Structures are given as structure tokens and as C-alpha cells.
Amino acid sequence: MHQLMSRMSPGATTMIRIDHTHALATFHRYHIDTSPARKQAIAETLAAALEIHARLEEEIFYPAMRSVDPDLVDKSIPEHNDMRRLIAQLRQTRPEDAAFDTTLMELMRSVIRHVADEETQLLPDAERVLGERRLSELGAEMTRRRFELVGPRTGEIAVNTVRTFPAATLALTGAFVLGAFLAGRAMSRPSPGTMRATTKALRRAVRPGRLMAAPQSWAYRLRHALAG
């Protein structure tokens, strides 16, 4: 099982970029005139994605990068905590309230800054210093941990994601949605066939033109646009 996971999981930096793209795609579904029920679903989809993503980085990726980029790692953890604060604030606010929109926009701005920093600094450094083999090992470890984190929340994540994304675009969220469904199955029946299906779904998501993150040039432009 360990060998299968190591062979088929995306590398750590690829997985992080997939998560970034999923979060940004979810943000783009949110509009001020969206119905309160859908606003709630979008916010919960986003919250689950960010919470799981942050745990994976803090538990696995950041420790591996601490000796490479200690200042950036130390900066990233408080940013995660601020994100959690805003998520908690969202969950205490009714989606009909103007404060819900304001808080979600603040969360969006915070996450975009964080994504830009990682994609222009931390991830390129990881690829340069750690190398493909170590990133593959970290990716496998992150995939196993994702199964554990997603498993108990499979139903919640699936329902909110379906409410967030129209059927015509639902396939574009394959990495997260399929991962959620199959991870839940993997936790209850960890057969080789189920694990293989899950990891193949993750690999399909990183093909060119699908859920890959924006080009590095985009991240640089975004980072400079948000500076100040």
C-alpha cells in the first residue's frame, strides 16, 4: 500500500497547487447577489478545503521546508491562524448579513496573498532544494493524511461542493470532490482497488489544462498587485 501511494500520488508541490486552484475556483463562485443558501455552501466548501490544506502543510510540508525557508514558514503559520479566525467568524454570521460578505472578502484577500507568496517563493524553493524524489515522498504522506482528514467529513464536503458548483463545471473540481468520496470509502474499506482509484483521480487532476495552478507569472503579478 505504501509503495502504491508513493508511486501514484502527486508530488507535494503539485498537490499544494491543486488545493490553491480549488480554493480560488470556489471564491469565484461567490457573488453579492448569490442566494443565502448558496453563499453558505460556498463558504463551507471553502472552509473545509482551507482547513484540510492548512493541516497538511503544517503537519508535513512546512516541517520539511523549515531548514530551507524558515522565515517564510514562520510567516505562513500565523497566516493560517488568521484564516481560521475568519472561518470561525463566518460560521458565527448569518449569510443574509452584510458582515458575511465582508468577512468572506477579507478571507479571500488573505488567502490570495498567502497563495501568491507560496507560489512565487516557497514552492519553487522546495522544487529546487528537495528534488522530485523527496517531493514524491511528501506527496504520498500528504495523500494518506488527507484521507484521514476528509473521511469523517465526506458527506458534508460532497453536499456543499455540489451546491457550490453547477453540474456543468463540477467535473473541474475532481481532485477535491472525488478525493472526498473515495477517501471516505478508503477509510472504511481500504482495499487496493479503492486506493488506486483515489490516487488515479488525483493524478488526472494535474494534467495540463485541468486543475493546475495559474502560471508562475500570474502569481508574481498578483503578488505585486496586492503589495502595500
C-alpha atoms as a PDB file:
ATOM      1  CA  MET A   1       0.000   0.000   0.000  1.00  0.00           C
ATOM      2  CA  HIS A   2       2.830   2.393   0.866  1.00  0.00           C
ATOM      3  CA  GLN A   3       4.539   1.696  -2.471  1.00  0.00           C
ATOM      4  CA  LEU A   4       1.288   2.230  -4.385  1.00  0.00           C
ATOM      5  CA  MET A   5       0.697   5.571  -2.654  1.00  0.00           C
ATOM      6  CA  SER A   6       4.261   6.721  -3.262  1.00  0.00           C
ATOM      7  CA  ARG A   7       4.062   5.785  -6.940  1.00  0.00           C
ATOM      8  CA  MET A   8       0.677   7.326  -7.764  1.00  0.00           C
ATOM      9  CA  SER A   9       0.300  10.391  -5.508  1.00  0.00           C
ATOM     10  CA  PRO A  10       1.073  13.832  -6.919  1.00  0.00           C
ATOM     11  CA  GLY A  11       4.222  15.431  -5.554  1.00  0.00           C
ATOM     12  CA  ALA A  12       3.806  17.746  -2.585  1.00  0.00           C
ATOM     13  CA  THR A  13       4.126  20.997  -4.536  1.00  0.00           C
ATOM     14  CA  THR A  14       1.719  19.801  -7.224  1.00  0.00           C
ATOM     15  CA  MET A  15      -0.827  18.865  -4.565  1.00  0.00           C
ATOM     16  CA  ILE A  16      -0.494  22.271  -2.912  1.00  0.00           C
ATOM     17  CA  ARG A  17      -1.052  23.998  -6.258  1.00  0.00           C
ATOM     18  CA  ILE A  18      -4.167  21.881  -6.832  1.00  0.00           C
ATOM     19  CA  ASP A  19      -5.501  22.978  -3.446  1.00  0.00           C
ATOM     20  CA  HIS A  20      -4.758  26.621  -4.259  1.00  0.00           C
ATOM     21  CA  THR A  21      -6.636  26.374  -7.539  1.00  0.00           C
ATOM     22  CA  HIS A  22      -9.612  24.695  -5.884  1.00  0.00           C
ATOM     23  CA  ALA A  23      -9.808  27.488  -3.296  1.00  0.00           C
ATOM     24  CA  LEU A  24      -9.592  30.220  -5.936  1.00  0.00           C
ATOM     25  CA  ALA A  25     -12.196  28.493  -8.121  1.00  0.00           C
ATOM     26  CA  THR A  26     -14.526  28.328  -5.115  1.00  0.00           C
ATOM     27  CA  PHE A  27     -14.013  32.035  -4.416  1.00  0.00           C
ATOM     28  CA  HIS A  28     -15.057  32.812  -7.980  1.00  0.00           C
ATOM     29  CA  ARG A  29     -18.466  31.180  -7.398  1.00  0.00           C
ATOM     30  CA  TYR A  30     -19.291  33.770  -4.717  1.00  0.00           C
ATOM     31  CA  HIS A  31     -21.263  36.901  -5.646  1.00  0.00           C
ATOM     32  CA  ILE A  32     -23.001  39.505  -3.521  1.00  0.00           C
ATOM     33  CA  ASP A  33     -26.384  38.684  -5.077  1.00  0.00           C
ATOM     34  CA  THR A  34     -25.988  34.908  -4.608  1.00  0.00           C
ATOM     35  CA  SER A  35     -28.754  33.324  -2.535  1.00  0.00           C
ATOM     36  CA  PRO A  36     -28.015  32.953   1.204  1.00  0.00           C
ATOM     37  CA  ALA A  37     -28.195  29.155   0.999  1.00  0.00           C
ATOM     38  CA  ARG A  38     -25.625  29.017  -1.773  1.00  0.00           C
ATOM     39  CA  LYS A  39     -23.417  31.580  -0.025  1.00  0.00           C
ATOM     40  CA  GLN A  40     -23.403  29.270   2.989  1.00  0.00           C
ATOM     41  CA  ALA A  41     -22.496  26.255   0.837  1.00  0.00           C
ATOM     42  CA  ILE A  42     -19.686  28.147  -0.903  1.00  0.00           C
ATOM     43  CA  ALA A  43     -18.290  29.349   2.412  1.00  0.00           C
ATOM     44  CA  GLU A  44     -18.385  25.838   3.891  1.00  0.00           C
ATOM     45  CA  THR A  45     -16.788  24.325   0.781  1.00  0.00           C
ATOM     46  CA  LEU A  46     -14.025  26.878   1.036  1.00  0.00           C
ATOM     47  CA  ALA A  47     -13.614  26.457   4.780  1.00  0.00           C
ATOM     48  CA  ALA A  48     -13.240  22.678   4.536  1.00  0.00           C
ATOM     49  CA  ALA A  49     -10.717  22.981   1.703  1.00  0.00           C
ATOM     50  CA  LEU A  50      -8.625  25.561   3.553  1.00  0.00           C
ATOM     51  CA  GLU A  51      -8.741  23.753   6.899  1.00  0.00           C
ATOM     52  CA  ILE A  52      -7.548  20.474   5.389  1.00  0.00           C
ATOM     53  CA  HIS A  53      -4.947  22.217   3.245  1.00  0.00           C
ATOM     54  CA  ALA A  54      -3.537  24.086   6.251  1.00  0.00           C
ATOM     55  CA  ARG A  55      -3.264  20.882   8.301  1.00  0.00           C
ATOM     56  CA  LEU A  56      -1.376  19.131   5.501  1.00  0.00           C
ATOM     57  CA  GLU A  57       1.076  21.984   5.164  1.00  0.00           C
ATOM     58  CA  GLU A  58       1.635  22.438   8.899  1.00  0.00           C
ATOM     59  CA  GLU A  59       1.981  18.745   9.705  1.00  0.00           C
ATOM     60  CA  ILE A  60       4.014  17.584   6.704  1.00  0.00           C
ATOM     61  CA  PHE A  61       5.196  20.192   4.206  1.00  0.00           C
ATOM     62  CA  TYR A  62       6.327  23.039   6.470  1.00  0.00           C
ATOM     63  CA  PRO A  63       8.496  20.820   8.705  1.00  0.00           C
ATOM     64  CA  ALA A  64      10.277  19.593   5.576  1.00  0.00           C
ATOM     65  CA  MET A  65      10.830  23.190   4.459  1.00  0.00           C
ATOM     66  CA  ARG A  66      11.822  24.744   7.784  1.00  0.00           C
ATOM     67  CA  SER A  67      15.537  24.308   7.175  1.00  0.00           C
ATOM     68  CA  VAL A  68      15.175  25.756   3.658  1.00  0.00           C
ATOM     69  CA  ASP A  69      12.864  28.771   4.192  1.00  0.00           C
ATOM     70  CA  PRO A  70      12.493  29.212   7.987  1.00  0.00           C
ATOM     71  CA  ASP A  71      11.321  32.824   7.794  1.00  0.00           C
ATOM     72  CA  LEU A  72       8.647  32.071   5.206  1.00  0.00           C
ATOM     73  CA  VAL A  73       7.422  29.019   7.126  1.00  0.00           C
ATOM     74  CA  ASP A  74       7.239  31.072  10.331  1.00  0.00           C
ATOM     75  CA  LYS A  75       5.274  33.747   8.438  1.00  0.00           C
ATOM     76  CA  SER A  76       2.864  31.216   6.940  1.00  0.00           C
ATOM     77  CA  ILE A  77       1.626  29.666  10.195  1.00  0.00           C
ATOM     78  CA  PRO A  78       0.185  32.926  11.620  1.00  0.00           C
ATOM     79  CA  GLU A  79      -1.461  33.461   8.222  1.00  0.00           C
ATOM     80  CA  HIS A  80      -3.153  30.092   8.617  1.00  0.00           C
ATOM     81  CA  ASN A  81      -4.290  31.070  12.101  1.00  0.00           C
ATOM     82  CA  ASP A  82      -5.763  34.305  10.769  1.00  0.00           C
ATOM     83  CA  MET A  83      -7.562  32.281   8.117  1.00  0.00           C
ATOM     84  CA  ARG A  84      -9.015  30.051  10.835  1.00  0.00           C
ATOM     85  CA  ARG A  85     -10.152  33.137  12.744  1.00  0.00           C
ATOM     86  CA  LEU A  86     -12.028  34.416   9.699  1.00  0.00           C
ATOM     87  CA  ILE A  87     -13.582  30.991   9.062  1.00  0.00           C
ATOM     88  CA  ALA A  88     -14.813  30.880  12.672  1.00  0.00           C
ATOM     89  CA  GLN A  89     -16.238  34.371  12.231  1.00  0.00           C
ATOM     90  CA  LEU A  90     -18.049  33.289   9.058  1.00  0.00           C
ATOM     91  CA  ARG A  91     -19.588  30.325  10.871  1.00  0.00           C
ATOM     92  CA  GLN A  92     -20.970  32.655  13.532  1.00  0.00           C
ATOM     93  CA  THR A  93     -22.535  35.014  10.962  1.00  0.00           C
ATOM     94  CA  ARG A  94     -25.766  34.559   9.027  1.00  0.00           C
ATOM     95  CA  PRO A  95     -25.271  34.525   5.233  1.00  0.00           C
ATOM     96  CA  GLU A  96     -28.053  37.132   4.945  1.00  0.00           C
ATOM     97  CA  ASP A  97     -25.930  39.640   6.882  1.00  0.00           C
ATOM     98  CA  ALA A  98     -23.649  42.138   5.152  1.00  0.00           C
ATOM     99  CA  ALA A  99     -20.903  41.104   7.582  1.00  0.00           C
ATOM    100  CA  PHE A 100     -20.882  37.667   5.938  1.00  0.00           C
ATOM    101  CA  ASP A 101     -19.876  39.202   2.592  1.00  0.00           C
ATOM    102  CA  THR A 102     -17.287  41.435   4.232  1.00  0.00           C
ATOM    103  CA  THR A 103     -15.692  38.571   6.145  1.00  0.00           C
ATOM    104  CA  LEU A 104     -15.570  36.280   3.143  1.00  0.00           C
ATOM    105  CA  MET A 105     -13.937  39.008   1.053  1.00  0.00           C
ATOM    106  CA  GLU A 106     -11.367  39.544   3.799  1.00  0.00           C
ATOM    107  CA  LEU A 107     -10.685  35.807   3.841  1.00  0.00           C
ATOM    108  CA  MET A 108     -10.332  35.811   0.069  1.00  0.00           C
ATOM    109  CA  ARG A 109      -7.778  38.626   0.127  1.00  0.00           C
ATOM    110  CA  SER A 110      -5.775  36.925   2.884  1.00  0.00           C
ATOM    111  CA  VAL A 111      -5.695  33.600   1.072  1.00  0.00           C
ATOM    112  CA  ILE A 112      -4.717  35.175  -2.254  1.00  0.00           C
ATOM    113  CA  ARG A 113      -1.747  36.887  -0.600  1.00  0.00           C
ATOM    114  CA  HIS A 114      -0.750  33.590   1.004  1.00  0.00           C
ATOM    115  CA  VAL A 115      -1.078  31.695  -2.290  1.00  0.00           C
ATOM    116  CA  ALA A 116       0.995  34.278  -4.144  1.00  0.00           C
ATOM    117  CA  ASP A 117       3.783  34.063  -1.550  1.00  0.00           C
ATOM    118  CA  GLU A 118       3.875  30.279  -1.682  1.00  0.00           C
ATOM    119  CA  GLU A 119       3.752  30.009  -5.456  1.00  0.00           C
ATOM    120  CA  THR A 120       6.465  32.595  -6.043  1.00  0.00           C
ATOM    121  CA  GLN A 121       8.792  31.627  -3.180  1.00  0.00           C
ATOM    122  CA  LEU A 122       8.128  28.529  -1.106  1.00  0.00           C
ATOM    123  CA  LEU A 123       7.108  26.054  -3.813  1.00  0.00           C
ATOM    124  CA  PRO A 124       9.900  26.946  -6.265  1.00  0.00           C
ATOM    125  CA  ASP A 125      12.409  26.671  -3.405  1.00  0.00           C
ATOM    126  CA  ALA A 126      11.000  23.267  -2.470  1.00  0.00           C
ATOM    127  CA  GLU A 127      11.339  22.024  -6.043  1.00  0.00           C
ATOM    128  CA  ARG A 128      14.876  23.368  -6.301  1.00  0.00           C
ATOM    129  CA  VAL A 129      16.160  22.060  -2.953  1.00  0.00           C
ATOM    130  CA  LEU A 130      14.145  18.958  -2.078  1.00  0.00           C
ATOM    131  CA  GLY A 131      14.022  17.374  -5.514  1.00  0.00           C
ATOM    132  CA  GLU A 132      11.471  15.128  -7.192  1.00  0.00           C
ATOM    133  CA  ARG A 133      12.014  12.038  -5.034  1.00  0.00           C
ATOM    134  CA  ARG A 134      11.571  13.833  -1.708  1.00  0.00           C
ATOM    135  CA  LEU A 135       8.555  15.770  -3.020  1.00  0.00           C
ATOM    136  CA  SER A 136       7.013  12.484  -4.130  1.00  0.00           C
ATOM    137  CA  GLU A 137       7.520  11.026  -0.639  1.00  0.00           C
ATOM    138  CA  LEU A 138       5.928  14.084   0.948  1.00  0.00           C
ATOM    139  CA  GLY A 139       3.057  13.936  -1.539  1.00  0.00           C
ATOM    140  CA  ALA A 140       2.328  10.336  -0.609  1.00  0.00           C
ATOM    141  CA  GLU A 141       2.361  11.225   3.079  1.00  0.00           C
ATOM    142  CA  MET A 142       0.057  14.181   2.450  1.00  0.00           C
ATOM    143  CA  THR A 143      -2.353  11.990   0.465  1.00  0.00           C
ATOM    144  CA  ARG A 144      -2.569   9.443   3.292  1.00  0.00           C
ATOM    145  CA  ARG A 145      -3.202  12.230   5.794  1.00  0.00           C
ATOM    146  CA  ARG A 146      -5.810  13.783   3.508  1.00  0.00           C
ATOM    147  CA  PHE A 147      -7.730  10.510   3.568  1.00  0.00           C
ATOM    148  CA  GLU A 148      -7.790  10.652   7.358  1.00  0.00           C
ATOM    149  CA  LEU A 149      -8.937  14.279   7.467  1.00  0.00           C
ATOM    150  CA  VAL A 150     -11.539  14.054   4.703  1.00  0.00           C
ATOM    151  CA  GLY A 151     -13.033  10.700   5.680  1.00  0.00           C
ATOM    152  CA  PRO A 152     -15.252  11.895   8.575  1.00  0.00           C
ATOM    153  CA  ARG A 153     -16.404  14.932   6.534  1.00  0.00           C
ATOM    154  CA  THR A 154     -17.121  13.194   3.216  1.00  0.00           C
ATOM    155  CA  GLY A 155     -20.889  13.783   3.216  1.00  0.00           C
ATOM    156  CA  GLU A 156     -20.630  17.424   4.328  1.00  0.00           C
ATOM    157  CA  ILE A 157     -17.952  18.207   1.741  1.00  0.00           C
ATOM    158  CA  ALA A 158     -19.777  16.466  -1.097  1.00  0.00           C
ATOM    159  CA  VAL A 159     -23.144  18.146  -0.437  1.00  0.00           C
ATOM    160  CA  ASN A 160     -21.657  21.636  -0.110  1.00  0.00           C
ATOM    161  CA  THR A 161     -19.484  21.185  -3.201  1.00  0.00           C
ATOM    162  CA  VAL A 162     -22.456  20.095  -5.329  1.00  0.00           C
ATOM    163  CA  ARG A 163     -24.351  23.192  -4.146  1.00  0.00           C
ATOM    164  CA  THR A 164     -21.348  25.376  -4.912  1.00  0.00           C
ATOM    165  CA  PHE A 165     -20.546  24.202  -8.441  1.00  0.00           C
ATOM    166  CA  PRO A 166     -23.140  23.764 -11.223  1.00  0.00           C
ATOM    167  CA  ALA A 167     -23.273  20.332 -12.788  1.00  0.00           C
ATOM    168  CA  ALA A 168     -21.619  21.604 -15.969  1.00  0.00           C
ATOM    169  CA  THR A 169     -18.449  22.571 -14.075  1.00  0.00           C
ATOM    170  CA  LEU A 170     -18.488  20.018 -11.288  1.00  0.00           C
ATOM    171  CA  ALA A 171     -16.007  17.815 -13.136  1.00  0.00           C
ATOM    172  CA  LEU A 172     -13.412  20.561 -12.825  1.00  0.00           C
ATOM    173  CA  THR A 173     -13.308  20.063  -9.067  1.00  0.00           C
ATOM    174  CA  GLY A 174     -12.381  16.410  -9.493  1.00  0.00           C
ATOM    175  CA  ALA A 175      -9.331  16.382  -7.246  1.00  0.00           C
ATOM    176  CA  PHE A 176     -11.236  17.512  -4.193  1.00  0.00           C
ATOM    177  CA  VAL A 177     -14.695  16.022  -4.784  1.00  0.00           C
ATOM    178  CA  LEU A 178     -13.554  12.616  -5.972  1.00  0.00           C
ATOM    179  CA  GLY A 179     -10.953  12.618  -3.246  1.00  0.00           C
ATOM    180  CA  ALA A 180     -13.657  13.312  -0.676  1.00  0.00           C
ATOM    181  CA  PHE A 181     -15.928  10.497  -1.822  1.00  0.00           C
ATOM    182  CA  LEU A 182     -13.178   7.946  -2.336  1.00  0.00           C
ATOM    183  CA  ALA A 183     -11.289   8.911   0.790  1.00  0.00           C
ATOM    184  CA  GLY A 184     -14.364   8.155   2.851  1.00  0.00           C
ATOM    185  CA  ARG A 185     -14.590   4.750   1.193  1.00  0.00           C
ATOM    186  CA  ALA A 186     -10.882   4.219   1.672  1.00  0.00           C
ATOM    187  CA  MET A 187     -11.164   4.839   5.404  1.00  0.00           C
ATOM    188  CA  SER A 188     -13.954   2.284   5.781  1.00  0.00           C
ATOM    189  CA  ARG A 189     -12.766  -0.283   3.223  1.00  0.00           C
ATOM    190  CA  PRO A 190      -9.081   0.342   2.458  1.00  0.00           C
ATOM    191  CA  SER A 191      -8.836  -2.073  -0.445  1.00  0.00           C
ATOM    192  CA  PRO A 192      -6.090  -1.722  -3.054  1.00  0.00           C
ATOM    193  CA  GLY A 193      -8.707  -1.057  -5.751  1.00  0.00           C
ATOM    194  CA  THR A 194     -10.213   1.863  -3.844  1.00  0.00           C
ATOM    195  CA  MET A 195      -6.839   3.370  -3.067  1.00  0.00           C
ATOM    196  CA  ARG A 196      -5.806   3.009  -6.706  1.00  0.00           C
ATOM    197  CA  ALA A 197      -8.976   4.748  -7.901  1.00  0.00           C
ATOM    198  CA  THR A 198      -8.418   7.632  -5.498  1.00  0.00           C
ATOM    199  CA  THR A 199      -4.813   8.228  -6.410  1.00  0.00           C
ATOM    200  CA  LYS A 200      -5.610   7.998 -10.128  1.00  0.00           C
ATOM    201  CA  ALA A 201      -8.273  10.667  -9.644  1.00  0.00           C
ATOM    202  CA  LEU A 202      -5.683  12.917  -8.045  1.00  0.00           C
ATOM    203  CA  ARG A 203      -3.232  12.348 -10.886  1.00  0.00           C
ATOM    204  CA  ARG A 204      -5.883  13.079 -13.540  1.00  0.00           C
ATOM    205  CA  ALA A 205      -6.455  16.436 -11.880  1.00  0.00           C
ATOM    206  CA  VAL A 206      -2.895  17.572 -12.526  1.00  0.00           C
ATOM    207  CA  ARG A 207      -2.917  17.021 -16.289  1.00  0.00           C
ATOM    208  CA  PRO A 208      -2.209  20.151 -18.333  1.00  0.00           C
ATOM    209  CA  GLY A 209      -5.306  22.256 -18.848  1.00  0.00           C
ATOM    210  CA  ARG A 210      -7.182  20.919 -15.850  1.00  0.00           C
ATOM    211  CA  LEU A 211      -6.728  21.868 -12.207  1.00  0.00           C
ATOM    212  CA  MET A 212      -3.141  23.021 -12.403  1.00  0.00           C
ATOM    213  CA  ALA A 213      -2.473  26.309 -10.679  1.00  0.00           C
ATOM    214  CA  ALA A 214      -2.023  29.545 -12.551  1.00  0.00           C
ATOM    215  CA  PRO A 215       1.362  30.100 -14.221  1.00  0.00           C
ATOM    216  CA  GLN A 216       4.110  31.488 -12.039  1.00  0.00           C
ATOM    217  CA  SER A 217       3.957  34.779 -13.949  1.00  0.00           C
ATOM    218  CA  TRP A 218       0.339  35.131 -12.782  1.00  0.00           C
ATOM    219  CA  ALA A 219       1.396  34.611  -9.182  1.00  0.00           C
ATOM    220  CA  TYR A 220       4.085  37.267  -9.488  1.00  0.00           C
ATOM    221  CA  ARG A 221       1.642  39.769 -10.973  1.00  0.00           C
ATOM    222  CA  LEU A 222      -0.911  39.023  -8.275  1.00  0.00           C
ATOM    223  CA  ARG A 223       1.633  39.373  -5.500  1.00  0.00           C
ATOM    224  CA  HIS A 224       2.767  42.767  -6.752  1.00  0.00           C
ATOM    225  CA  ALA A 225      -0.815  43.934  -7.317  1.00  0.00           C
ATOM    226  CA  LEU A 226      -1.664  43.124  -3.687  1.00  0.00           C
ATOM    227  CA  ALA A 227       1.500  44.640  -2.253  1.00  0.00           C
ATOM    228  CA  GLY A 228       1.095  47.542   0.116  1.00  0.00           C
END
